[in-house]
C-alpha atoms as a PDB file:
ATOM      1  CA  MET A   1      39.206  68.446  -3.227  1.00  0.00           C
ATOM      2  CA  GLU A   2      36.426  70.597  -5.086  1.00  0.00           C
ATOM      3  CA  LYS A   3      33.028  71.541  -3.552  1.00  0.00           C
ATOM      4  CA  LYS A   4      30.191  73.701  -4.768  1.00  0.00           C
ATOM      5  CA  LEU A   5      27.645  75.708  -2.838  1.00  0.00           C
ATOM      6  CA  LEU A   6      24.112  74.636  -3.890  1.00  0.00           C
ATOM      7  CA  LEU A   7      22.041  76.604  -1.589  1.00  0.00           C
ATOM      8  CA  GLN A   8      22.170  78.987   1.240  1.00  0.00           C
ATOM      9  CA  GLU A   9      19.244  79.386   3.521  1.00  0.00           C
ATOM     10  CA  GLY A  10      20.083  81.225   6.922  1.00  0.00           C
ATOM     11  CA  HIS A  11      22.306  78.995   9.073  1.00  0.00           C
ATOM     12  CA  TYR A  12      22.015  76.031   6.574  1.00  0.00           C
ATOM     13  CA  SER A  13      23.743  75.441   3.446  1.00  0.00           C
ATOM     14  CA  ILE A  14      23.782  72.415   0.989  1.00  0.00           C
ATOM     15  CA  TRP A  15      27.303  71.689  -0.565  1.00  0.00           C
ATOM     16  CA  ARG A  16      28.187  69.311  -3.201  1.00  0.00           C
ATOM     17  CA  HIS A  17      31.584  67.590  -2.877  1.00  0.00           C
ATOM     18  CA  ASP A  18      33.235  65.505  -5.655  1.00  0.00           C
ATOM     19  CA  ARG A  19      35.226  63.462  -2.792  1.00  0.00           C
ATOM     20  CA  ILE A  20      34.326  62.608   0.744  1.00  0.00           C
ATOM     21  CA  PRO A  21      36.000  65.190   2.990  1.00  0.00           C
ATOM     22  CA  THR A  22      37.797  64.308   6.446  1.00  0.00           C
ATOM     23  CA  ASP A  23      34.830  65.978   8.535  1.00  0.00           C
ATOM     24  CA  ALA A  24      32.298  63.908   6.434  1.00  0.00           C
ATOM     25  CA  LEU A  25      34.191  60.685   7.399  1.00  0.00           C
ATOM     26  CA  SER A  26      34.115  61.646  11.175  1.00  0.00           C
ATOM     27  CA  PHE A  27      30.325  62.443  10.766  1.00  0.00           C
ATOM     28  CA  LEU A  28      29.582  59.237   9.299  1.00  0.00           C
ATOM     29  CA  ASP A  29      31.619  57.294  11.694  1.00  0.00           C
ATOM     30  CA  SER A  30      29.422  58.870  14.547  1.00  0.00           C
ATOM     31  CA  ILE A  31      26.205  57.690  13.117  1.00  0.00           C
ATOM     32  CA  ALA A  32      24.156  54.748  14.347  1.00  0.00           C
ATOM     33  CA  TRP A  33      22.192  53.368  11.405  1.00  0.00           C
ATOM     34  CA  GLY A  34      18.634  52.201  11.733  1.00  0.00           C
ATOM     35  CA  ASN A  35      15.603  53.700  13.630  1.00  0.00           C
ATOM     36  CA  ASP A  36      12.508  51.736  14.846  1.00  0.00           C
ATOM     37  CA  GLY A  37      14.033  48.271  13.929  1.00  0.00           C
ATOM     38  CA  ALA A  38      17.791  47.346  14.232  1.00  0.00           C
ATOM     39  CA  VAL A  39      20.251  50.046  15.301  1.00  0.00           C
ATOM     40  CA  TYR A  40      23.988  49.332  14.593  1.00  0.00           C
ATOM     41  CA  GLU A  41      27.226  51.172  13.724  1.00  0.00           C
ATOM     42  CA  HIS A  42      29.451  50.375  10.812  1.00  0.00           C
ATOM     43  CA  LYS A  43      33.151  50.110  11.926  1.00  0.00           C
ATOM     44  CA  ASN A  44      34.502  49.825   8.500  1.00  0.00           C
ATOM     45  CA  THR A  45      33.238  53.069   6.997  1.00  0.00           C
ATOM     46  CA  GLU A  46      36.476  54.874   6.285  1.00  0.00           C
ATOM     47  CA  GLU A  47      37.756  51.624   4.427  1.00  0.00           C
ATOM     48  CA  HIS A  48      34.649  51.122   2.531  1.00  0.00           C
ATOM     49  CA  ILE A  49      33.906  54.708   1.575  1.00  0.00           C
ATOM     50  CA  HIS A  50      37.098  54.996  -0.346  1.00  0.00           C
ATOM     51  CA  LEU A  51      35.843  51.840  -2.630  1.00  0.00           C
ATOM     52  CA  LEU A  52      32.653  53.501  -3.515  1.00  0.00           C
ATOM     53  CA  PHE A  53      31.876  53.597  -7.208  1.00  0.00           C
ATOM     54  CA  GLN A  54      32.069  57.332  -8.608  1.00  0.00           C
ATOM     55  CA  PRO A  55      30.650  59.024  -5.430  1.00  0.00           C
ATOM     56  CA  THR A  56      29.344  62.621  -4.985  1.00  0.00           C
ATOM     57  CA  LEU A  57      28.744  63.779  -1.539  1.00  0.00           C
ATOM     58  CA  ILE A  58      25.835  66.208  -0.823  1.00  0.00           C
ATOM     59  CA  ALA A  59      26.096  67.551   2.665  1.00  0.00           C
ATOM     60  CA  ILE A  60      23.880  69.810   4.936  1.00  0.00           C
ATOM     61  CA  HIS A  61      25.571  72.192   6.889  1.00  0.00           C
ATOM     62  CA  GLU A  62      24.519  74.158   9.820  1.00  0.00           C
ATOM     63  CA  ASP A  63      27.123  76.971   9.737  1.00  0.00           C
ATOM     64  CA  ASP A  64      30.375  75.131   9.349  1.00  0.00           C
ATOM     65  CA  LYS A  65      29.071  71.772  10.860  1.00  0.00           C
ATOM     66  CA  ILE A  66      27.926  68.868   8.662  1.00  0.00           C
ATOM     67  CA  GLN A  67      24.535  67.913  10.011  1.00  0.00           C
ATOM     68  CA  GLY A  68      23.194  65.592   7.079  1.00  0.00           C
ATOM     69  CA  THR A  69      24.711  63.635   4.340  1.00  0.00           C
ATOM     70  CA  ALA A  70      23.735  61.615   1.122  1.00  0.00           C
ATOM     71  CA  VAL A  71      26.399  60.036  -1.112  1.00  0.00           C
ATOM     72  CA  PHE A  72      25.195  59.457  -4.676  1.00  0.00           C
ATOM     73  CA  CYS A  73      27.105  56.758  -6.651  1.00  0.00           C
ATOM     74  CA  ASN A  74      26.786  57.145 -10.433  1.00  0.00           C
ATOM     75  CA  THR A  75      26.832  53.936 -12.474  1.00  0.00           C
ATOM     76  CA  LEU A  76      25.066  52.031 -15.184  1.00  0.00           C
ATOM     77  CA  VAL A  77      22.608  49.369 -14.480  1.00  0.00           C
ATOM     78  CA  THR A  78      20.668  47.012 -16.597  1.00  0.00           C
ATOM     79  CA  ALA A  79      16.981  45.804 -16.456  1.00  0.00           C
ATOM     80  CA  GLY A  80      16.732  42.946 -18.953  1.00  0.00           C
ATOM     81  CA  GLN A  81      18.215  44.207 -22.270  1.00  0.00           C
ATOM     82  CA  SER A  82      18.020  47.927 -21.351  1.00  0.00           C
ATOM     83  CA  LEU A  83      20.889  50.042 -19.903  1.00  0.00           C
ATOM     84  CA  TYR A  84      20.305  53.031 -17.889  1.00  0.00           C
ATOM     85  CA  ASN A  85      22.231  55.653 -16.022  1.00  0.00           C
ATOM     86  CA  CYS A  86      21.776  55.367 -12.377  1.00  0.00           C
ATOM     87  CA  TYR A  87      22.502  57.023  -9.112  1.00  0.00           C
ATOM     88  CA  TYR A  88      22.015  55.016  -5.973  1.00  0.00           C
ATOM     89  CA  ILE A  89      22.127  56.734  -2.560  1.00  0.00           C
ATOM     90  CA  ARG A  90      24.477  55.576   0.270  1.00  0.00           C
ATOM     91  CA  TYR A  91      25.115  57.186   3.519  1.00  0.00           C
ATOM     92  CA  PHE A  92      21.597  59.021   3.918  1.00  0.00           C
ATOM     93  CA  ALA A  93      21.962  60.334   7.471  1.00  0.00           C
ATOM     94  CA  SER A  94      21.231  63.177   9.849  1.00  0.00           C
ATOM     95  CA  SER A  95      23.001  64.074  13.182  1.00  0.00           C
ATOM     96  CA  LYS A  96      21.027  63.775  16.507  1.00  0.00           C
ATOM     97  CA  GLU A  97      21.033  67.612  16.660  1.00  0.00           C
ATOM     98  CA  ILE A  98      18.700  68.055  13.600  1.00  0.00           C
ATOM     99  CA  ARG A  99      16.374  64.914  14.014  1.00  0.00           C
ATOM    100  CA  GLY A 100      12.879  65.787  14.776  1.00  0.00           C
ATOM    101  CA  LYS A 101      13.179  69.336  13.503  1.00  0.00           C
ATOM    102  CA  GLY A 102      12.188  68.672   9.912  1.00  0.00           C
ATOM    103  CA  VAL A 103      15.523  69.797   8.602  1.00  0.00           C
ATOM    104  CA  MET A 104      16.230  66.518   6.568  1.00  0.00           C
ATOM    105  CA  LYS A 105      12.505  66.450   5.267  1.00  0.00           C
ATOM    106  CA  LYS A 106      12.903  70.061   4.085  1.00  0.00           C
ATOM    107  CA  TYR A 107      16.010  69.741   2.492  1.00  0.00           C
ATOM    108  CA  ALA A 108      16.017  66.261   1.034  1.00  0.00           C
ATOM    109  CA  VAL A 109      13.903  67.420  -1.828  1.00  0.00           C
ATOM    110  CA  LYS A 110      16.350  70.064  -2.539  1.00  0.00           C
ATOM    111  CA  VAL A 111      19.261  67.546  -2.417  1.00  0.00           C
ATOM    112  CA  MET A 112      17.437  65.102  -4.838  1.00  0.00           C
ATOM    113  CA  GLU A 113      16.677  68.138  -7.179  1.00  0.00           C
ATOM    114  CA  ALA A 114      20.365  69.063  -7.063  1.00  0.00           C
ATOM    115  CA  VAL A 115      21.465  65.704  -8.273  1.00  0.00           C
ATOM    116  CA  ARG A 116      18.776  65.397 -10.847  1.00  0.00           C
ATOM    117  CA  HIS A 117      19.500  68.840 -12.340  1.00  0.00           C
ATOM    118  CA  GLY A 118      21.498  68.772 -15.469  1.00  0.00           C
ATOM    119  CA  GLU A 119      20.849  65.044 -16.217  1.00  0.00           C
ATOM    120  CA  MET A 120      19.891  65.022 -19.860  1.00  0.00           C
ATOM    121  CA  GLU A 121      19.552  61.210 -20.223  1.00  0.00           C
ATOM    122  CA  LYS A 122      17.121  58.540 -18.833  1.00  0.00           C
ATOM    123  CA  THR A 123      18.180  58.093 -15.335  1.00  0.00           C
ATOM    124  CA  ILE A 124      17.117  55.759 -12.407  1.00  0.00           C
ATOM    125  CA  PHE A 125      17.654  57.038  -8.726  1.00  0.00           C
ATOM    126  CA  PHE A 126      17.259  54.828  -5.894  1.00  0.00           C
ATOM    127  CA  ALA A 127      17.728  54.381  -2.139  1.00  0.00           C
ATOM    128  CA  CYS A 128      17.889  51.204   0.167  1.00  0.00           C
ATOM    129  CA  ILE A 129      15.843  52.026   3.250  1.00  0.00           C
ATOM    130  CA  GLU A 130      15.448  49.507   6.189  1.00  0.00           C
ATOM    131  CA  LYS A 131      12.029  48.372   6.900  1.00  0.00           C
ATOM    132  CA  GLY A 132      12.045  49.795  10.397  1.00  0.00           C
ATOM    133  CA  ASN A 133      13.516  53.090   9.418  1.00  0.00           C
ATOM    134  CA  ARG A 134      10.181  55.132   9.147  1.00  0.00           C
ATOM    135  CA  ALA A 135      11.792  58.508   9.296  1.00  0.00           C
ATOM    136  CA  SER A 136      14.095  57.942   6.370  1.00  0.00           C
ATOM    137  CA  TYR A 137      11.417  56.190   4.416  1.00  0.00           C
ATOM    138  CA  LYS A 138       8.976  59.098   4.628  1.00  0.00           C
ATOM    139  CA  THR A 139      11.806  61.644   3.985  1.00  0.00           C
ATOM    140  CA  VAL A 140      12.729  59.846   0.687  1.00  0.00           C
ATOM    141  CA  GLU A 141       9.132  59.241  -0.213  1.00  0.00           C
ATOM    142  CA  ASN A 142       8.424  63.084   0.147  1.00  0.00           C
ATOM    143  CA  ALA A 143      11.267  63.533  -2.479  1.00  0.00           C
ATOM    144  CA  SER A 144       8.949  61.660  -5.043  1.00  0.00           C
ATOM    145  CA  TYR A 145      10.439  58.255  -4.649  1.00  0.00           C
ATOM    146  CA  GLU A 146       8.238  55.200  -4.713  1.00  0.00           C
ATOM    147  CA  ASN A 147       8.642  51.629  -3.248  1.00  0.00           C
ATOM    148  CA  ILE A 148       9.468  49.255  -6.184  1.00  0.00           C
ATOM    149  CA  GLY A 149      10.350  46.077  -4.068  1.00  0.00           C
ATOM    150  CA  VAL A 150      11.973  44.425  -1.182  1.00  0.00           C
ATOM    151  CA  ILE A 151      15.331  43.163  -0.699  1.00  0.00           C
ATOM    152  CA  LYS A 152      15.675  40.335   1.817  1.00  0.00           C
ATOM    153  CA  THR A 153      18.403  39.963   4.210  1.00  0.00           C
ATOM    154  CA  ASN A 154      19.633  36.480   4.422  1.00  0.00           C
ATOM    155  CA  GLY A 155      21.894  34.602   6.712  1.00  0.00           C
ATOM    156  CA  PHE A 156      24.455  31.663   6.523  1.00  0.00           C
ATOM    157  CA  SER A 157      26.470  30.238   9.637  1.00  0.00           C
ATOM    158  CA  ARG A 158      28.370  27.171  10.667  1.00  0.00           C
ATOM    159  CA  PHE A 159      29.760  26.580  14.243  1.00  0.00           C
ATOM    160  CA  PHE A 160      32.594  24.795  12.847  1.00  0.00           C
ATOM    161  CA  PRO A 161      33.058  25.765   9.212  1.00  0.00           C
ATOM    162  CA  LYS A 162      35.172  23.402   7.025  1.00  0.00           C
ATOM    163  CA  ALA A 163      37.889  24.378   4.731  1.00  0.00           C
ATOM    164  CA  ASN A 164      37.834  22.965   1.170  1.00  0.00           C
ATOM    165  CA  LYS A 165      40.858  22.488  -1.030  1.00  0.00           C
ATOM    166  CA  HIS A 166      38.772  22.795  -4.212  1.00  0.00           C
ATOM    167  CA  ILE A 167      37.963  26.423  -3.807  1.00  0.00           C
ATOM    168  CA  GLU A 168      39.787  28.629  -6.381  1.00  0.00           C
ATOM    169  CA  GLN A 169      40.516  32.354  -6.087  1.00  0.00           C
ATOM    170  CA  VAL A 170      39.666  34.295  -9.247  1.00  0.00           C
ATOM    171  CA  ASN A 171      42.626  36.560 -10.011  1.00  0.00           C
ATOM    172  CA  SER A 172      42.953  36.405 -13.838  1.00  0.00           C
ATOM    173  CA  GLU A 173      41.290  38.590 -16.460  1.00  0.00           C
ATOM    174  CA  GLU A 174      40.346  35.546 -18.264  1.00  0.00           C
ATOM    175  CA  VAL A 175      38.450  33.954 -15.433  1.00  0.00           C
ATOM    176  CA  LYS A 176      36.995  37.193 -14.311  1.00  0.00           C
ATOM    177  CA  THR A 177      35.515  37.483 -17.852  1.00  0.00           C
ATOM    178  CA  GLU A 178      34.121  34.076 -17.575  1.00  0.00           C
ATOM    179  CA  VAL A 179      32.383  34.797 -14.079  1.00  0.00           C
ATOM    180  CA  LEU A 180      30.750  37.954 -15.563  1.00  0.00           C
ATOM    181  CA  GLN A 181      29.414  36.196 -18.300  1.00  0.00           C
ATOM    182  CA  LEU A 182      27.830  33.479 -15.968  1.00  0.00           C
ATOM    183  CA  LEU A 183      26.541  36.239 -13.496  1.00  0.00           C
ATOM    184  CA  ALA A 184      25.144  38.450 -16.622  1.00  0.00           C
ATOM    185  CA  THR A 185      23.113  35.304 -17.696  1.00  0.00           C
ATOM    186  CA  GLN A 186      21.897  34.279 -14.309  1.00  0.00           C
ATOM    187  CA  TYR A 187      20.720  37.927 -13.441  1.00  0.00           C
ATOM    188  CA  GLY A 188      19.752  38.656 -16.972  1.00  0.00           C
ATOM    189  CA  ASP A 189      16.029  39.211 -16.303  1.00  0.00           C
ATOM    190  CA  HIS A 190      16.675  41.398 -13.075  1.00  0.00           C
ATOM    191  CA  ALA A 191      16.564  44.903 -12.618  1.00  0.00           C
ATOM    192  CA  LEU A 192      19.311  47.481 -11.096  1.00  0.00           C
ATOM    193  CA  VAL A 193      22.072  45.038 -12.071  1.00  0.00           C
ATOM    194  CA  GLN A 194      25.686  46.041 -11.753  1.00  0.00           C
ATOM    195  CA  PHE A 195      28.883  44.285 -10.816  1.00  0.00           C
ATOM    196  CA  ASN A 196      31.004  47.223  -9.673  1.00  0.00           C
ATOM    197  CA  SER A 197      31.930  45.535  -6.437  1.00  0.00           C
ATOM    198  CA  LEU A 198      33.066  42.407  -7.682  1.00  0.00           C
ATOM    199  CA  PHE A 199      36.792  41.265  -7.640  1.00  0.00           C
ATOM    200  CA  MET A 200      37.694  43.692  -4.979  1.00  0.00           C
ATOM    201  CA  ARG A 201      40.971  42.598  -3.292  1.00  0.00           C
ATOM    202  CA  ASP A 202      40.649  39.513  -5.661  1.00  0.00           C
ATOM    203  CA  ASN A 203      37.955  38.222  -3.215  1.00  0.00           C
ATOM    204  CA  TYR A 204      35.932  36.250  -5.717  1.00  0.00           C
ATOM    205  CA  TYR A 205      36.141  32.445  -5.275  1.00  0.00           C
ATOM    206  CA  VAL A 206      34.714  29.524  -7.340  1.00  0.00           C
ATOM    207  CA  ILE A 207      34.298  25.861  -7.226  1.00  0.00           C
ATOM    208  CA  ARG A 208      34.749  23.940 -10.424  1.00  0.00           C
ATOM    209  CA  GLU A 209      33.568  20.481 -11.540  1.00  0.00           C
ATOM    210  CA  LYS A 210      35.295  19.094 -14.673  1.00  0.00           C
ATOM    211  CA  GLY A 211      36.443  22.494 -15.509  1.00  0.00           C
ATOM    212  CA  GLU A 212      33.044  24.139 -15.123  1.00  0.00           C
ATOM    213  CA  VAL A 213      32.265  26.620 -12.610  1.00  0.00           C
ATOM    214  CA  ILE A 214      29.410  25.495 -10.684  1.00  0.00           C
ATOM    215  CA  ALA A 215      29.542  28.072  -7.703  1.00  0.00           C
ATOM    216  CA  GLY A 216      30.906  31.290  -7.065  1.00  0.00           C
ATOM    217  CA  CYS A 217      30.696  34.434  -4.899  1.00  0.00           C
ATOM    218  CA  GLN A 218      32.654  37.555  -3.751  1.00  0.00           C
ATOM    219  CA  PHE A 219      33.088  38.252  -0.090  1.00  0.00           C
ATOM    220  CA  HIS A 220      33.561  41.440   1.784  1.00  0.00           C
ATOM    221  CA  ARG A 221      34.767  41.424   5.582  1.00  0.00           C
ATOM    222  CA  VAL A 222      32.474  43.479   7.764  1.00  0.00           C
ATOM    223  CA  HIS A 223      32.424  44.598  11.320  1.00  0.00           C
ATOM    224  CA  TRP A 224      29.412  46.021  13.005  1.00  0.00           C
ATOM    225  CA  VAL A 225      28.285  46.884  16.344  1.00  0.00           C
ATOM    226  CA  ILE A 226      24.689  46.162  17.154  1.00  0.00           C
ATOM    227  CA  ASN A 227      23.037  48.448  19.628  1.00  0.00           C
ATOM    228  CA  LYS A 228      19.449  47.285  19.213  1.00  0.00           C
ATOM    229  CA  MET A 229      17.305  44.687  17.488  1.00  0.00           C
ATOM    230  CA  ALA A 230      13.476  44.943  16.808  1.00  0.00           C
ATOM    231  CA  GLY A 231      10.767  43.325  18.921  1.00  0.00           C
ATOM    232  CA  LEU A 232      10.718  41.010  21.764  1.00  0.00           C
ATOM    233  CA  MET A 233      12.827  38.461  19.963  1.00  0.00           C
ATOM    234  CA  GLY A 234      15.346  41.002  19.240  1.00  0.00           C
ATOM    235  CA  LYS A 235      15.646  41.933  22.948  1.00  0.00           C
ATOM    236  CA  VAL A 236      16.145  38.159  23.731  1.00  0.00           C
ATOM    237  CA  ILE A 237      18.950  37.832  21.120  1.00  0.00           C
ATOM    238  CA  MET A 238      20.757  40.944  22.331  1.00  0.00           C
ATOM    239  CA  THR A 239      20.716  39.848  26.081  1.00  0.00           C
ATOM    240  CA  ILE A 240      20.756  36.129  26.075  1.00  0.00           C
ATOM    241  CA  VAL A 241      22.678  35.038  22.928  1.00  0.00           C
ATOM    242  CA  PRO A 242      26.051  36.814  23.951  1.00  0.00           C
ATOM    243  CA  ARG A 243      25.926  35.054  27.351  1.00  0.00           C
ATOM    244  CA  ILE A 244      25.720  31.454  25.729  1.00  0.00           C
ATOM    245  CA  PRO A 245      28.993  29.761  24.864  1.00  0.00           C
ATOM    246  CA  LEU A 246      29.173  28.879  21.071  1.00  0.00           C
ATOM    247  CA  LEU A 247      26.086  30.906  20.125  1.00  0.00           C
ATOM    248  CA  ASN A 248      28.162  33.998  21.019  1.00  0.00           C
ATOM    249  CA  ARG A 249      30.620  32.893  18.456  1.00  0.00           C
ATOM    250  CA  LEU A 250      28.078  33.267  15.799  1.00  0.00           C
ATOM    251  CA  PHE A 251      26.674  36.481  17.110  1.00  0.00           C
ATOM    252  CA  ASN A 252      28.389  38.962  19.429  1.00  0.00           C
ATOM    253  CA  PRO A 253      26.504  42.371  19.098  1.00  0.00           C
ATOM    254  CA  ARG A 254      29.394  44.212  20.665  1.00  0.00           C
ATOM    255  CA  ARG A 255      31.727  42.824  17.872  1.00  0.00           C
ATOM    256  CA  PHE A 256      29.640  41.360  14.997  1.00  0.00           C
ATOM    257  CA  GLU A 257      32.097  40.470  12.332  1.00  0.00           C
ATOM    258  CA  PHE A 258      30.831  38.590   9.286  1.00  0.00           C
ATOM    259  CA  LEU A 259      31.301  37.922   5.575  1.00  0.00           C
ATOM    260  CA  ALA A 260      29.095  39.755   3.204  1.00  0.00           C
ATOM    261  CA  PHE A 261      28.505  37.527   0.005  1.00  0.00           C
ATOM    262  CA  GLU A 262      27.611  39.155  -3.322  1.00  0.00           C
ATOM    263  CA  GLY A 263      27.675  38.213  -7.039  1.00  0.00           C
ATOM    264  CA  ILE A 264      26.423  34.759  -6.003  1.00  0.00           C
ATOM    265  CA  TYR A 265      26.459  32.200  -8.963  1.00  0.00           C
ATOM    266  CA  SER A 266      25.000  28.566  -8.570  1.00  0.00           C
ATOM    267  CA  LYS A 267      24.462  26.273 -11.406  1.00  0.00           C
ATOM    268  CA  PRO A 268      21.064  24.872 -10.821  1.00  0.00           C
ATOM    269  CA  GLY A 269      21.270  21.624  -9.043  1.00  0.00           C
ATOM    270  CA  TYR A 270      24.507  22.273  -7.401  1.00  0.00           C
ATOM    271  CA  GLU A 271      23.362  24.395  -4.457  1.00  0.00           C
ATOM    272  CA  ASN A 272      25.149  21.964  -2.124  1.00  0.00           C
ATOM    273  CA  GLN A 273      28.461  23.134  -3.578  1.00  0.00           C
ATOM    274  CA  LEU A 274      27.499  26.800  -3.079  1.00  0.00           C
ATOM    275  CA  ALA A 275      27.102  25.952   0.789  1.00  0.00           C
ATOM    276  CA  THR A 276      30.443  24.365   0.651  1.00  0.00           C
ATOM    277  CA  LEU A 277      31.811  27.462  -0.895  1.00  0.00           C
ATOM    278  CA  PHE A 278      30.194  29.651   1.663  1.00  0.00           C
ATOM    279  CA  GLU A 279      31.536  27.404   4.420  1.00  0.00           C
ATOM    280  CA  GLY A 280      35.093  27.334   3.145  1.00  0.00           C
ATOM    281  CA  LEU A 281      35.234  30.882   2.840  1.00  0.00           C
ATOM    282  CA  LEU A 282      34.020  31.387   6.470  1.00  0.00           C
ATOM    283  CA  ALA A 283      36.806  28.864   7.456  1.00  0.00           C
ATOM    284  CA  LYS A 284      39.453  30.811   5.333  1.00  0.00           C
ATOM    285  CA  GLU A 285      38.623  34.082   7.138  1.00  0.00           C
ATOM    286  CA  LYS A 286      38.066  32.232  10.604  1.00  0.00           C
ATOM    287  CA  LEU A 287      34.617  33.611  10.993  1.00  0.00           C
ATOM    288  CA  LYS A 288      31.313  31.823  11.871  1.00  0.00           C
ATOM    289  CA  SER A 289      28.646  34.049  10.024  1.00  0.00           C
ATOM    290  CA  ALA A 290      27.636  35.533   6.713  1.00  0.00           C
ATOM    291  CA  MET A 291      25.011  37.577   5.299  1.00  0.00           C
ATOM    292  CA  PHE A 292      23.844  38.210   1.770  1.00  0.00           C
ATOM    293  CA  TRP A 293      21.146  40.401   0.189  1.00  0.00           C
ATOM    294  CA  MET A 294      18.694  39.426  -2.570  1.00  0.00           C
ATOM    295  CA  GLY A 295      15.430  40.646  -4.185  1.00  0.00           C
ATOM    296  CA  GLN A 296      12.463  38.966  -2.530  1.00  0.00           C
ATOM    297  CA  SER A 297      11.320  37.492  -5.830  1.00  0.00           C
ATOM    298  CA  CYS A 298      14.826  36.542  -6.944  1.00  0.00           C
ATOM    299  CA  PRO A 299      14.977  32.932  -8.410  1.00  0.00           C
ATOM    300  CA  THR A 300      18.411  32.296  -7.180  1.00  0.00           C
ATOM    301  CA  ARG A 301      17.589  33.295  -3.625  1.00  0.00           C
ATOM    302  CA  LYS A 302      14.656  30.924  -3.740  1.00  0.00           C
ATOM    303  CA  ARG A 303      16.887  28.034  -4.981  1.00  0.00           C
ATOM    304  CA  ILE A 304      19.430  28.739  -2.214  1.00  0.00           C
ATOM    305  CA  LEU A 305      16.944  28.691   0.641  1.00  0.00           C
ATOM    306  CA  ALA A 306      15.151  25.689  -0.788  1.00  0.00           C
ATOM    307  CA  ASN A 307      18.294  23.548  -1.112  1.00  0.00           C
ATOM    308  CA  ILE A 308      20.808  24.430   1.608  1.00  0.00           C
ATOM    309  CA  LYS A 309      20.853  24.569   5.411  1.00  0.00           C
ATOM    310  CA  THR A 310      21.595  28.376   6.128  1.00  0.00           C
ATOM    311  CA  GLY A 311      22.269  27.918   9.844  1.00  0.00           C
ATOM    312  CA  LEU A 312      21.127  29.641  12.997  1.00  0.00           C
ATOM    313  CA  ILE A 313      22.205  33.188  12.119  1.00  0.00           C
ATOM    314  CA  HIS A 314      19.358  33.338   9.281  1.00  0.00           C
ATOM    315  CA  ALA A 315      16.734  33.013  11.931  1.00  0.00           C
ATOM    316  CA  PHE A 316      18.299  36.002  13.754  1.00  0.00           C
ATOM    317  CA  ILE A 317      18.280  38.316  10.841  1.00  0.00           C
ATOM    318  CA  LYS A 318      15.694  36.983   8.241  1.00  0.00           C
ATOM    319  CA  GLU A 319      12.945  39.752   9.007  1.00  0.00           C
ATOM    320  CA  SER A 320      15.362  42.642   8.443  1.00  0.00           C
ATOM    321  CA  ASP A 321      13.975  43.585   5.031  1.00  0.00           C
ATOM    322  CA  VAL A 322      15.095  46.571   3.030  1.00  0.00           C
ATOM    323  CA  PHE A 323      12.719  48.656   0.739  1.00  0.00           C
ATOM    324  CA  ILE A 324      13.916  49.868  -2.545  1.00  0.00           C
ATOM    325  CA  LEU A 325      12.681  53.301  -3.091  1.00  0.00           C
ATOM    326  CA  ALA A 326      13.197  54.862  -6.597  1.00  0.00           C
ATOM    327  CA  SER A 327      12.538  57.818  -8.906  1.00  0.00           C
ATOM    328  CA  PHE A 328      12.635  57.918 -12.638  1.00  0.00           C
ATOM    329  CA  HIS A 329      13.984  60.663 -14.859  1.00  0.00           C
ATOM    330  CA  LYS A 330      12.797  60.651 -18.499  1.00  0.00           C
ATOM    331  CA  LEU A 331      11.780  56.884 -18.567  1.00  0.00           C
ATOM    332  CA  ASP A 332       8.358  56.327 -20.225  1.00  0.00           C
ATOM    333  CA  GLU A 333       5.692  54.611 -18.447  1.00  0.00           C
ATOM    334  CA  SER A 334       6.224  51.153 -20.363  1.00  0.00           C
ATOM    335  CA  GLU A 335      10.001  51.101 -19.114  1.00  0.00           C
ATOM    336  CA  ILE A 336       8.981  51.935 -15.566  1.00  0.00           C
ATOM    337  CA  SER A 337       6.211  49.281 -15.623  1.00  0.00           C
ATOM    338  CA  ASP A 338       8.885  46.781 -17.145  1.00  0.00           C
ATOM    339  CA  LEU A 339      11.406  47.566 -14.333  1.00  0.00           C
ATOM    340  CA  LYS A 340       8.914  47.177 -11.627  1.00  0.00           C
ATOM    341  CA  LEU A 341       7.888  43.709 -12.656  1.00  0.00           C
ATOM    342  CA  ARG A 342      11.653  42.306 -12.589  1.00  0.00           C
ATOM    343  CA  PRO A 343      13.235  40.874  -9.538  1.00  0.00           C
ATOM    344  CA  LEU A 344      15.723  43.241  -8.071  1.00  0.00           C
ATOM    345  CA  PHE A 345      19.380  42.705  -8.086  1.00  0.00           C
ATOM    346  CA  ALA A 346      21.216  43.559  -4.852  1.00  0.00           C
ATOM    347  CA  SER A 347      24.983  44.240  -4.276  1.00  0.00           C
ATOM    348  CA  ALA A 348      26.132  43.286  -0.596  1.00  0.00           C
ATOM    349  CA  PHE A 349      28.546  46.281  -0.800  1.00  0.00           C
ATOM    350  CA  ASP A 350      25.655  48.694  -0.741  1.00  0.00           C
ATOM    351  CA  TYR A 351      24.567  47.378   2.535  1.00  0.00           C
ATOM    352  CA  ILE A 352      27.572  47.225   4.546  1.00  0.00           C
END
């Protein structure tokens, strides 16, 4: 496993790793994510991190101990008809030992510059920051990133989800190509579009009518522990809901297991079949709740929320907005303006 020293200043050093070392996995497993809003722990970190698309870890060390991380995943994204090189940031985190000391604020710019260095083509850099995480927002903003839009967190739940025999698993290259063409058309006017996380474990499913795909989505199984939720309502949810039979099957903060949906396709007018698909996948996985992330102005999101009953879990999490902070390298002003006007695409895998 190769690593390269990028900077040394006293006890602190910045290292670039071409893979994710064991001590970084241990560090990330110890992190409670969020800040002023919800605070939660990912319990699938080791499983998910090995599925990241072309990751590079930049780690801040104090002597020999990792105290901060940022994983940059390199991919191609589209914005309308334009194709761009892109780095999106995952696992931007700092240890309790250095929080409040200005270490991340000081070295974040140097980390961003380290990744930017050597890029000769037009490149978009972006990070996803929860609305309540003001410290991370300011740190990334200080590295010359700007807010280009909001991703909305959406919920879907059923107390007694029903299985559906018409749901088909996508496992052939021919059908995968069919699905990708449908998604490319549906999200053709969006920005930051990429489908790297589709078809993982062959967990993309569709419903057809007369041979035509009318609804489809990928799911990922997720396990979080929720330590805190924002506001008075958050405190009520954390303390009261786990004690109420049935409700605690939708949301148990000590063990919140859910499906994360992405690559959502719905033929206009068939949103009810999308709800049938969601419910059937919950039944298949023996879970009650699901979440999905979409841009605030995404037309598909608006159609979904206008035409299906999301269930109670949506009320618990609908205010959990995520800001997209971006930086642009070698793009001209017209390209940047065009990108900012487009609905933002979101991959659920980037939020779990």
